[in-house]
């Protein structure tokens, strides 16, 4: 379980960036497969508006962090974090937000 992710200023080299966050609007744990599908779809749906180009044209890859069943039940964790990184694993040296990368 991830409790904390250290931040790095966008102008310093970094491996990835959280570009969006949203909450799952369900009270009962729907299962990891359902939460993963919601994360994949939700992160892709938010990509173009945040980055500035369609995902298919981007040099970025999208990943996500999702709540676990344990954090969902114990902490009422519903947050999904959308993460982007360079497809060639190059360090990012600026924010992906509005970058058109």
PDB file of N, CA and C in Angstrom:
ATOM      1  N   UNK A   1       0.843  -1.164   0.000  1.00  0.00           N
ATOM      2  CA  UNK A   1       0.000   0.000   0.000  1.00  0.00           C
ATOM      3  C   UNK A   1       0.897   1.238   0.000  1.00  0.00           C
ATOM      4  N   UNK A   2       0.579   2.194  -0.839  1.00  0.00           N
ATOM      5  CA  UNK A   2       1.311   3.452  -0.909  1.00  0.00           C
ATOM      6  C   UNK A   2       0.631   4.446   0.017  1.00  0.00           C
ATOM      7  N   UNK A   3       1.390   4.976   0.964  1.00  0.00           N
ATOM      8  CA  UNK A   3       0.840   5.971   1.875  1.00  0.00           C
ATOM      9  C   UNK A   3       1.239   7.380   1.498  1.00  0.00           C
ATOM     10  N   UNK A   4       2.408   7.511   0.882  1.00  0.00           N
ATOM     11  CA  UNK A   4       2.949   8.827   0.587  1.00  0.00           C
ATOM     12  C   UNK A   4       3.862   8.722  -0.627  1.00  0.00           C
ATOM     13  N   UNK A   5       3.803   9.698  -1.490  1.00  0.00           N
ATOM     14  CA  UNK A   5       4.671   9.756  -2.663  1.00  0.00           C
ATOM     15  C   UNK A   5       5.449  11.064  -2.578  1.00  0.00           C
ATOM     16  N   UNK A   6       6.788  10.984  -2.532  1.00  0.00           N
ATOM     17  CA  UNK A   6       7.559  12.227  -2.424  1.00  0.00           C
ATOM     18  C   UNK A   6       7.418  13.079  -3.686  1.00  0.00           C
ATOM     19  N   UNK A   7       7.343  14.381  -3.488  1.00  0.00           N
ATOM     20  CA  UNK A   7       7.222  15.304  -4.604  1.00  0.00           C
ATOM     21  C   UNK A   7       8.573  15.812  -5.067  1.00  0.00           C
ATOM     22  N   UNK A   8       8.657  16.107  -6.345  1.00  0.00           N
ATOM     23  CA  UNK A   8       9.855  16.692  -6.954  1.00  0.00           C
ATOM     24  C   UNK A   8       9.373  17.871  -7.786  1.00  0.00           C
ATOM     25  N   UNK A   9      10.029  19.028  -7.691  1.00  0.00           N
ATOM     26  CA  UNK A   9       9.624  20.160  -8.530  1.00  0.00           C
ATOM     27  C   UNK A   9       9.660  19.778 -10.017  1.00  0.00           C
ATOM     28  N   UNK A  10       8.697  20.286 -10.775  1.00  0.00           N
ATOM     29  CA  UNK A  10       8.574  19.912 -12.186  1.00  0.00           C
ATOM     30  C   UNK A  10       9.778  20.309 -13.028  1.00  0.00           C
ATOM     31  N   UNK A  11      10.536  21.320 -12.597  1.00  0.00           N
ATOM     32  CA  UNK A  11      11.702  21.739 -13.378  1.00  0.00           C
ATOM     33  C   UNK A  11      12.952  20.941 -13.031  1.00  0.00           C
ATOM     34  N   UNK A  12      12.855  20.013 -12.083  1.00  0.00           N
ATOM     35  CA  UNK A  12      13.958  19.100 -11.779  1.00  0.00           C
ATOM     36  C   UNK A  12      13.653  17.758 -12.434  1.00  0.00           C
ATOM     37  N   UNK A  13      14.697  17.028 -12.870  1.00  0.00           N
ATOM     38  CA  UNK A  13      14.449  15.733 -13.516  1.00  0.00           C
ATOM     39  C   UNK A  13      13.635  14.797 -12.613  1.00  0.00           C
ATOM     40  N   UNK A  14      12.610  14.203 -13.200  1.00  0.00           N
ATOM     41  CA  UNK A  14      11.766  13.269 -12.470  1.00  0.00           C
ATOM     42  C   UNK A  14      11.271  12.177 -13.419  1.00  0.00           C
ATOM     43  N   UNK A  15      10.922  11.042 -12.840  1.00  0.00           N
ATOM     44  CA  UNK A  15      10.532   9.881 -13.643  1.00  0.00           C
ATOM     45  C   UNK A  15       9.097   9.944 -14.137  1.00  0.00           C
ATOM     46  N   UNK A  16       8.204  10.486 -13.325  1.00  0.00           N
ATOM     47  CA  UNK A  16       6.792  10.513 -13.693  1.00  0.00           C
ATOM     48  C   UNK A  16       6.104  11.656 -12.981  1.00  0.00           C
ATOM     49  N   UNK A  17       4.850  11.890 -13.368  1.00  0.00           N
ATOM     50  CA  UNK A  17       4.101  12.995 -12.792  1.00  0.00           C
ATOM     51  C   UNK A  17       2.633  12.614 -12.641  1.00  0.00           C
ATOM     52  N   UNK A  18       2.074  12.940 -11.502  1.00  0.00           N
ATOM     53  CA  UNK A  18       0.635  12.803 -11.312  1.00  0.00           C
ATOM     54  C   UNK A  18      -0.017  13.969 -12.052  1.00  0.00           C
ATOM     55  N   UNK A  19      -0.847  13.654 -13.037  1.00  0.00           N
ATOM     56  CA  UNK A  19      -1.473  14.722 -13.822  1.00  0.00           C
ATOM     57  C   UNK A  19      -2.964  14.887 -13.532  1.00  0.00           C
ATOM     58  N   UNK A  20      -3.546  13.947 -12.824  1.00  0.00           N
ATOM     59  CA  UNK A  20      -4.970  14.066 -12.469  1.00  0.00           C
ATOM     60  C   UNK A  20      -5.270  13.160 -11.288  1.00  0.00           C
ATOM     61  N   UNK A  21      -6.312  13.511 -10.569  1.00  0.00           N
ATOM     62  CA  UNK A  21      -6.797  12.699  -9.455  1.00  0.00           C
ATOM     63  C   UNK A  21      -8.317  12.782  -9.439  1.00  0.00           C
ATOM     64  N   UNK A  22      -8.949  11.675  -9.119  1.00  0.00           N
ATOM     65  CA  UNK A  22     -10.404  11.666  -8.999  1.00  0.00           C
ATOM     66  C   UNK A  22     -10.815  10.558  -8.044  1.00  0.00           C
ATOM     67  N   UNK A  23     -12.004  10.702  -7.484  1.00  0.00           N
ATOM     68  CA  UNK A  23     -12.526   9.731  -6.529  1.00  0.00           C
ATOM     69  C   UNK A  23     -13.524   8.797  -7.188  1.00  0.00           C
ATOM     70  N   UNK A  24     -13.508   7.545  -6.754  1.00  0.00           N
ATOM     71  CA  UNK A  24     -14.515   6.574  -7.157  1.00  0.00           C
ATOM     72  C   UNK A  24     -15.781   6.893  -6.372  1.00  0.00           C
ATOM     73  N   UNK A  25     -16.887   7.002  -7.067  1.00  0.00           N
ATOM     74  CA  UNK A  25     -18.158   7.373  -6.442  1.00  0.00           C
ATOM     75  C   UNK A  25     -18.994   6.139  -6.116  1.00  0.00           C
ATOM     76  N   UNK A  26     -18.433   5.248  -5.296  1.00  0.00           N
ATOM     77  CA  UNK A  26     -19.138   4.047  -4.854  1.00  0.00           C
ATOM     78  C   UNK A  26     -18.872   3.881  -3.367  1.00  0.00           C
ATOM     79  N   UNK A  27     -19.849   3.382  -2.646  1.00  0.00           N
ATOM     80  CA  UNK A  27     -19.645   3.201  -1.208  1.00  0.00           C
ATOM     81  C   UNK A  27     -19.054   1.830  -0.891  1.00  0.00           C
ATOM     82  N   UNK A  28     -19.463   0.793  -1.617  1.00  0.00           N
ATOM     83  CA  UNK A  28     -18.970  -0.567  -1.376  1.00  0.00           C
ATOM     84  C   UNK A  28     -17.794  -0.884  -2.300  1.00  0.00           C
ATOM     85  N   UNK A  29     -16.819  -1.635  -1.787  1.00  0.00           N
ATOM     86  CA  UNK A  29     -15.665  -2.070  -2.586  1.00  0.00           C
ATOM     87  C   UNK A  29     -16.172  -2.890  -3.775  1.00  0.00           C
ATOM     88  N   UNK A  30     -15.924  -2.423  -5.017  1.00  0.00           N
ATOM     89  CA  UNK A  30     -16.439  -3.122  -6.194  1.00  0.00           C
ATOM     90  C   UNK A  30     -15.518  -4.224  -6.711  1.00  0.00           C
ATOM     91  N   UNK A  31     -14.324  -4.319  -6.157  1.00  0.00           N
ATOM     92  CA  UNK A  31     -13.342  -5.303  -6.615  1.00  0.00           C
ATOM     93  C   UNK A  31     -12.211  -4.619  -7.367  1.00  0.00           C
ATOM     94  N   UNK A  32     -11.039  -5.223  -7.301  1.00  0.00           N
ATOM     95  CA  UNK A  32      -9.855  -4.627  -7.919  1.00  0.00           C
ATOM     96  C   UNK A  32     -10.000  -4.473  -9.431  1.00  0.00           C
ATOM     97  N   UNK A  33     -10.605  -5.444 -10.088  1.00  0.00           N
ATOM     98  CA  UNK A  33     -10.761  -5.359 -11.546  1.00  0.00           C
ATOM     99  C   UNK A  33     -11.612  -4.153 -11.943  1.00  0.00           C
ATOM    100  N   UNK A  34     -12.682  -3.905 -11.203  1.00  0.00           N
ATOM    101  CA  UNK A  34     -13.564  -2.775 -11.502  1.00  0.00           C
ATOM    102  C   UNK A  34     -12.841  -1.456 -11.254  1.00  0.00           C
ATOM    103  N   UNK A  35     -12.127  -1.356 -10.128  1.00  0.00           N
ATOM    104  CA  UNK A  35     -11.401  -0.115  -9.818  1.00  0.00           C
ATOM    105  C   UNK A  35     -10.299   0.119 -10.842  1.00  0.00           C
ATOM    106  N   UNK A  36      -9.613  -0.936 -11.250  1.00  0.00           N
ATOM    107  CA  UNK A  36      -8.564  -0.803 -12.265  1.00  0.00           C
ATOM    108  C   UNK A  36      -9.145  -0.317 -13.591  1.00  0.00           C
ATOM    109  N   UNK A  37     -10.274  -0.866 -13.995  1.00  0.00           N
ATOM    110  CA  UNK A  37     -10.910  -0.424 -15.242  1.00  0.00           C
ATOM    111  C   UNK A  37     -11.350   1.040 -15.142  1.00  0.00           C
ATOM    112  N   UNK A  38     -11.882   1.424 -13.990  1.00  0.00           N
ATOM    113  CA  UNK A  38     -12.279   2.817 -13.789  1.00  0.00           C
ATOM    114  C   UNK A  38     -11.056   3.729 -13.871  1.00  0.00           C
ATOM    115  N   UNK A  39      -9.942   3.295 -13.313  1.00  0.00           N
ATOM    116  CA  UNK A  39      -8.714   4.087 -13.348  1.00  0.00           C
ATOM    117  C   UNK A  39      -8.203   4.227 -14.781  1.00  0.00           C
ATOM    118  N   UNK A  40      -8.144   3.115 -15.496  1.00  0.00           N
ATOM    119  CA  UNK A  40      -7.655   3.161 -16.878  1.00  0.00           C
ATOM    120  C   UNK A  40      -8.503   4.099 -17.724  1.00  0.00           C
ATOM    121  N   UNK A  41      -9.816   3.939 -17.658  1.00  0.00           N
ATOM    122  CA  UNK A  41     -10.717   4.777 -18.458  1.00  0.00           C
ATOM    123  C   UNK A  41     -10.682   6.234 -18.003  1.00  0.00           C
ATOM    124  N   UNK A  42     -10.733   6.452 -16.693  1.00  0.00           N
ATOM    125  CA  UNK A  42     -10.742   7.812 -16.160  1.00  0.00           C
ATOM    126  C   UNK A  42      -9.466   8.573 -16.468  1.00  0.00           C
ATOM    127  N   UNK A  43      -8.332   7.892 -16.383  1.00  0.00           N
ATOM    128  CA  UNK A  43      -7.055   8.563 -16.664  1.00  0.00           C
ATOM    129  C   UNK A  43      -6.933   8.898 -18.150  1.00  0.00           C
ATOM    130  N   UNK A  44      -7.347   7.980 -19.013  1.00  0.00           N
ATOM    131  CA  UNK A  44      -7.309   8.267 -20.452  1.00  0.00           C
ATOM    132  C   UNK A  44      -8.299   9.366 -20.817  1.00  0.00           C
ATOM    133  N   UNK A  45      -9.474   9.363 -20.193  1.00  0.00           N
ATOM    134  CA  UNK A  45     -10.474  10.401 -20.469  1.00  0.00           C
ATOM    135  C   UNK A  45      -9.963  11.795 -20.113  1.00  0.00           C
ATOM    136  N   UNK A  46      -9.112  11.913 -19.110  1.00  0.00           N
ATOM    137  CA  UNK A  46      -8.615  13.206 -18.642  1.00  0.00           C
ATOM    138  C   UNK A  46      -7.327  13.641 -19.360  1.00  0.00           C
ATOM    139  N   UNK A  47      -6.699  12.738 -20.082  1.00  0.00           N
ATOM    140  CA  UNK A  47      -5.366  12.984 -20.633  1.00  0.00           C
ATOM    141  C   UNK A  47      -5.309  14.181 -21.583  1.00  0.00           C
ATOM    142  N   UNK A  48      -6.099  14.170 -22.629  1.00  0.00           N
ATOM    143  CA  UNK A  48      -6.003  15.222 -23.658  1.00  0.00           C
ATOM    144  C   UNK A  48      -6.274  16.606 -23.078  1.00  0.00           C
ATOM    145  N   UNK A  49      -7.266  16.727 -22.229  1.00  0.00           N
ATOM    146  CA  UNK A  49      -7.573  18.020 -21.640  1.00  0.00           C
ATOM    147  C   UNK A  49      -6.412  18.549 -20.798  1.00  0.00           C
ATOM    148  N   UNK A  50      -5.726  17.669 -20.108  1.00  0.00           N
ATOM    149  CA  UNK A  50      -4.636  18.084 -19.221  1.00  0.00           C
ATOM    150  C   UNK A  50      -3.331  18.291 -19.990  1.00  0.00           C
ATOM    151  N   UNK A  51      -2.973  17.345 -20.852  1.00  0.00           N
ATOM    152  CA  UNK A  51      -1.671  17.394 -21.543  1.00  0.00           C
ATOM    153  C   UNK A  51      -1.725  18.265 -22.798  1.00  0.00           C
ATOM    154  N   UNK A  52      -2.865  18.279 -23.467  1.00  0.00           N
ATOM    155  CA  UNK A  52      -3.006  19.168 -24.614  1.00  0.00           C
ATOM    156  C   UNK A  52      -3.001  18.495 -25.964  1.00  0.00           C
ATOM    157  N   UNK A  53      -2.786  17.172 -26.005  1.00  0.00           N
ATOM    158  CA  UNK A  53      -2.872  16.422 -27.263  1.00  0.00           C
ATOM    159  C   UNK A  53      -3.516  15.070 -26.959  1.00  0.00           C
ATOM    160  N   UNK A  54      -4.056  14.412 -27.997  1.00  0.00           N
ATOM    161  CA  UNK A  54      -4.631  13.081 -27.768  1.00  0.00           C
ATOM    162  C   UNK A  54      -3.559  12.093 -27.296  1.00  0.00           C
ATOM    163  N   UNK A  55      -3.971  11.155 -26.477  1.00  0.00           N
ATOM    164  CA  UNK A  55      -3.040  10.159 -25.936  1.00  0.00           C
ATOM    165  C   UNK A  55      -2.311   9.407 -27.043  1.00  0.00           C
ATOM    166  N   UNK A  56      -3.019   9.089 -28.117  1.00  0.00           N
ATOM    167  CA  UNK A  56      -2.418   8.320 -29.214  1.00  0.00           C
ATOM    168  C   UNK A  56      -1.276   9.062 -29.897  1.00  0.00           C
ATOM    169  N   UNK A  57      -1.219  10.383 -29.776  1.00  0.00           N
ATOM    170  CA  UNK A  57      -0.165  11.190 -30.400  1.00  0.00           C
ATOM    171  C   UNK A  57       0.958  11.543 -29.426  1.00  0.00           C
ATOM    172  N   UNK A  58       0.838  11.125 -28.200  1.00  0.00           N
ATOM    173  CA  UNK A  58       1.746  11.537 -27.142  1.00  0.00           C
ATOM    174  C   UNK A  58       2.953  10.604 -27.019  1.00  0.00           C
ATOM    175  N   UNK A  59       4.044  11.142 -26.458  1.00  0.00           N
ATOM    176  CA  UNK A  59       5.219  10.334 -26.109  1.00  0.00           C
ATOM    177  C   UNK A  59       5.126   9.860 -24.668  1.00  0.00           C
ATOM    178  N   UNK A  60       3.986  10.099 -24.047  1.00  0.00           N
ATOM    179  CA  UNK A  60       3.794   9.713 -22.652  1.00  0.00           C
ATOM    180  C   UNK A  60       2.986   8.422 -22.548  1.00  0.00           C
ATOM    181  N   UNK A  61       3.272   7.686 -21.506  1.00  0.00           N
ATOM    182  CA  UNK A  61       2.523   6.486 -21.152  1.00  0.00           C
ATOM    183  C   UNK A  61       1.747   6.815 -19.877  1.00  0.00           C
ATOM    184  N   UNK A  62       0.546   6.294 -19.779  1.00  0.00           N
ATOM    185  CA  UNK A  62      -0.304   6.535 -18.616  1.00  0.00           C
ATOM    186  C   UNK A  62      -0.314   5.305 -17.717  1.00  0.00           C
ATOM    187  N   UNK A  63      -0.225   5.558 -16.439  1.00  0.00           N
ATOM    188  CA  UNK A  63      -0.393   4.530 -15.420  1.00  0.00           C
ATOM    189  C   UNK A  63      -1.301   5.114 -14.344  1.00  0.00           C
ATOM    190  N   UNK A  64      -1.481   4.394 -13.272  1.00  0.00           N
ATOM    191  CA  UNK A  64      -2.359   4.888 -12.213  1.00  0.00           C
ATOM    192  C   UNK A  64      -2.029   4.234 -10.877  1.00  0.00           C
ATOM    193  N   UNK A  65      -2.447   4.881  -9.828  1.00  0.00           N
ATOM    194  CA  UNK A  65      -2.421   4.317  -8.480  1.00  0.00           C
ATOM    195  C   UNK A  65      -3.873   4.247  -8.026  1.00  0.00           C
ATOM    196  N   UNK A  66      -4.252   3.096  -7.481  1.00  0.00           N
ATOM    197  CA  UNK A  66      -5.640   2.902  -7.072  1.00  0.00           C
ATOM    198  C   UNK A  66      -5.706   2.521  -5.598  1.00  0.00           C
ATOM    199  N   UNK A  67      -6.870   2.736  -4.992  1.00  0.00           N
ATOM    200  CA  UNK A  67      -7.035   2.282  -3.612  1.00  0.00           C
ATOM    201  C   UNK A  67      -7.008   0.753  -3.553  1.00  0.00           C
ATOM    202  N   UNK A  68      -6.531   0.221  -2.459  1.00  0.00           N
ATOM    203  CA  UNK A  68      -6.626  -1.215  -2.212  1.00  0.00           C
ATOM    204  C   UNK A  68      -7.917  -1.491  -1.457  1.00  0.00           C
ATOM    205  N   UNK A  69      -8.318  -2.724  -1.404  1.00  0.00           N
ATOM    206  CA  UNK A  69      -9.505  -3.065  -0.621  1.00  0.00           C
ATOM    207  C   UNK A  69      -9.302  -2.672   0.843  1.00  0.00           C
ATOM    208  N   UNK A  70      -8.090  -2.882   1.336  1.00  0.00           N
ATOM    209  CA  UNK A  70      -7.797  -2.536   2.728  1.00  0.00           C
ATOM    210  C   UNK A  70      -7.917  -1.032   2.972  1.00  0.00           C
ATOM    211  N   UNK A  71      -7.321  -0.209   2.095  1.00  0.00           N
ATOM    212  CA  UNK A  71      -7.386   1.243   2.299  1.00  0.00           C
ATOM    213  C   UNK A  71      -8.800   1.762   2.070  1.00  0.00           C
ATOM    214  N   UNK A  72      -9.542   1.137   1.161  1.00  0.00           N
ATOM    215  CA  UNK A  72     -10.935   1.499   0.888  1.00  0.00           C
ATOM    216  C   UNK A  72     -11.773   1.341   2.153  1.00  0.00           C
ATOM    217  N   UNK A  73     -11.604   0.193   2.816  1.00  0.00           N
ATOM    218  CA  UNK A  73     -12.429  -0.118   3.983  1.00  0.00           C
ATOM    219  C   UNK A  73     -11.941   0.579   5.250  1.00  0.00           C
ATOM    220  N   UNK A  74     -10.634   0.605   5.465  1.00  0.00           N
ATOM    221  CA  UNK A  74     -10.095   1.154   6.713  1.00  0.00           C
ATOM    222  C   UNK A  74     -10.010   2.678   6.710  1.00  0.00           C
ATOM    223  N   UNK A  75      -9.710   3.257   5.543  1.00  0.00           N
ATOM    224  CA  UNK A  75      -9.472   4.707   5.469  1.00  0.00           C
ATOM    225  C   UNK A  75     -10.463   5.447   4.595  1.00  0.00           C
ATOM    226  N   UNK A  76     -11.431   4.710   4.054  1.00  0.00           N
ATOM    227  CA  UNK A  76     -12.391   5.303   3.121  1.00  0.00           C
ATOM    228  C   UNK A  76     -11.674   5.950   1.924  1.00  0.00           C
ATOM    229  N   UNK A  77     -10.587   5.313   1.507  1.00  0.00           N
ATOM    230  CA  UNK A  77      -9.779   5.784   0.380  1.00  0.00           C
ATOM    231  C   UNK A  77     -10.503   5.488  -0.922  1.00  0.00           C
ATOM    232  N   UNK A  78     -10.805   6.517  -1.672  1.00  0.00           N
ATOM    233  CA  UNK A  78     -11.483   6.361  -2.965  1.00  0.00           C
ATOM    234  C   UNK A  78     -10.700   7.018  -4.101  1.00  0.00           C
ATOM    235  N   UNK A  79      -9.527   7.568  -3.807  1.00  0.00           N
ATOM    236  CA  UNK A  79      -8.806   8.384  -4.787  1.00  0.00           C
ATOM    237  C   UNK A  79      -7.986   7.546  -5.764  1.00  0.00           C
ATOM    238  N   UNK A  80      -8.146   7.879  -7.032  1.00  0.00           N
ATOM    239  CA  UNK A  80      -7.320   7.322  -8.107  1.00  0.00           C
ATOM    240  C   UNK A  80      -6.396   8.428  -8.576  1.00  0.00           C
ATOM    241  N   UNK A  81      -5.111   8.101  -8.697  1.00  0.00           N
ATOM    242  CA  UNK A  81      -4.128   9.056  -9.205  1.00  0.00           C
ATOM    243  C   UNK A  81      -3.701   8.625 -10.602  1.00  0.00           C
ATOM    244  N   UNK A  82      -3.730   9.560 -11.542  1.00  0.00           N
ATOM    245  CA  UNK A  82      -3.295   9.318 -12.915  1.00  0.00           C
ATOM    246  C   UNK A  82      -1.857   9.788 -13.051  1.00  0.00           C
ATOM    247  N   UNK A  83      -1.010   8.916 -13.555  1.00  0.00           N
ATOM    248  CA  UNK A  83       0.427   9.162 -13.627  1.00  0.00           C
ATOM    249  C   UNK A  83       0.887   9.046 -15.076  1.00  0.00           C
ATOM    250  N   UNK A  84       1.755   9.958 -15.491  1.00  0.00           N
ATOM    251  CA  UNK A  84       2.326   9.915 -16.846  1.00  0.00           C
ATOM    252  C   UNK A  84       3.841   9.831 -16.755  1.00  0.00           C
ATOM    253  N   UNK A  85       4.429   9.071 -17.674  1.00  0.00           N
ATOM    254  CA  UNK A  85       5.885   8.998 -17.791  1.00  0.00           C
ATOM    255  C   UNK A  85       6.257   8.869 -19.259  1.00  0.00           C
ATOM    256  N   UNK A  86       7.516   9.197 -19.577  1.00  0.00           N
ATOM    257  CA  UNK A  86       7.975   9.180 -20.974  1.00  0.00           C
ATOM    258  C   UNK A  86       8.093   7.739 -21.463  1.00  0.00           C
ATOM    259  N   UNK A  87       7.602   7.474 -22.672  1.00  0.00           N
ATOM    260  CA  UNK A  87       7.602   6.108 -23.202  1.00  0.00           C
ATOM    261  C   UNK A  87       9.007   5.524 -23.341  1.00  0.00           C
ATOM    262  N   UNK A  88      10.027   6.363 -23.492  1.00  0.00           N
ATOM    263  CA  UNK A  88      11.403   5.878 -23.578  1.00  0.00           C
ATOM    264  C   UNK A  88      12.100   5.920 -22.221  1.00  0.00           C
ATOM    265  N   UNK A  89      11.322   6.146 -21.169  1.00  0.00           N
ATOM    266  CA  UNK A  89      11.805   6.228 -19.792  1.00  0.00           C
ATOM    267  C   UNK A  89      12.802   7.361 -19.579  1.00  0.00           C
ATOM    268  N   UNK A  90      12.736   8.374 -20.466  1.00  0.00           N
ATOM    269  CA  UNK A  90      13.556   9.564 -20.273  1.00  0.00           C
ATOM    270  C   UNK A  90      13.016  10.347 -19.087  1.00  0.00           C
ATOM    271  N   UNK A  91      13.903  11.048 -18.394  1.00  0.00           N
ATOM    272  CA  UNK A  91      13.479  11.895 -17.282  1.00  0.00           C
ATOM    273  C   UNK A  91      12.648  13.054 -17.825  1.00  0.00           C
ATOM    274  N   UNK A  92      11.615  13.410 -17.101  1.00  0.00           N
ATOM    275  CA  UNK A  92      10.841  14.604 -17.425  1.00  0.00           C
ATOM    276  C   UNK A  92      11.535  15.787 -16.775  1.00  0.00           C
ATOM    277  N   UNK A  93      11.587  16.920 -17.460  1.00  0.00           N
ATOM    278  CA  UNK A  93      12.260  18.108 -16.913  1.00  0.00           C
ATOM    279  C   UNK A  93      11.321  19.304 -16.840  1.00  0.00           C
ATOM    280  N   UNK A  94      10.053  19.055 -17.095  1.00  0.00           N
ATOM    281  CA  UNK A  94       9.017  20.072 -16.956  1.00  0.00           C
ATOM    282  C   UNK A  94       7.710  19.346 -16.714  1.00  0.00           C
ATOM    283  N   UNK A  95       6.688  20.088 -16.395  1.00  0.00           N
ATOM    284  CA  UNK A  95       5.385  19.481 -16.147  1.00  0.00           C
ATOM    285  C   UNK A  95       4.806  18.949 -17.446  1.00  0.00           C
ATOM    286  N   UNK A  96       4.073  17.871 -17.351  1.00  0.00           N
ATOM    287  CA  UNK A  96       3.356  17.343 -18.516  1.00  0.00           C
ATOM    288  C   UNK A  96       2.073  18.126 -18.755  1.00  0.00           C
ATOM    289  N   UNK A  97       1.626  18.884 -17.768  1.00  0.00           N
ATOM    290  CA  UNK A  97       0.382  19.627 -17.880  1.00  0.00           C
ATOM    291  C   UNK A  97       0.544  20.741 -18.915  1.00  0.00           C
ATOM    292  N   UNK A  98      -0.289  20.691 -19.952  1.00  0.00           N
ATOM    293  CA  UNK A  98      -0.234  21.664 -21.033  1.00  0.00           C
ATOM    294  C   UNK A  98       1.002  21.560 -21.908  1.00  0.00           C
ATOM    295  N   UNK A  99       1.752  20.483 -21.788  1.00  0.00           N
ATOM    296  CA  UNK A  99       3.034  20.353 -22.491  1.00  0.00           C
ATOM    297  C   UNK A  99       2.903  19.950 -23.948  1.00  0.00           C
ATOM    298  N   UNK A 100       1.803  19.299 -24.313  1.00  0.00           N
ATOM    299  CA  UNK A 100       1.684  18.787 -25.672  1.00  0.00           C
ATOM    300  C   UNK A 100       2.663  17.676 -25.962  1.00  0.00           C
ATOM    301  N   UNK A 101       3.175  17.042 -24.926  1.00  0.00           N
ATOM    302  CA  UNK A 101       4.170  15.961 -25.117  1.00  0.00           C
ATOM    303  C   UNK A 101       3.521  14.715 -25.666  1.00  0.00           C
TER     304      UNK A 101
END
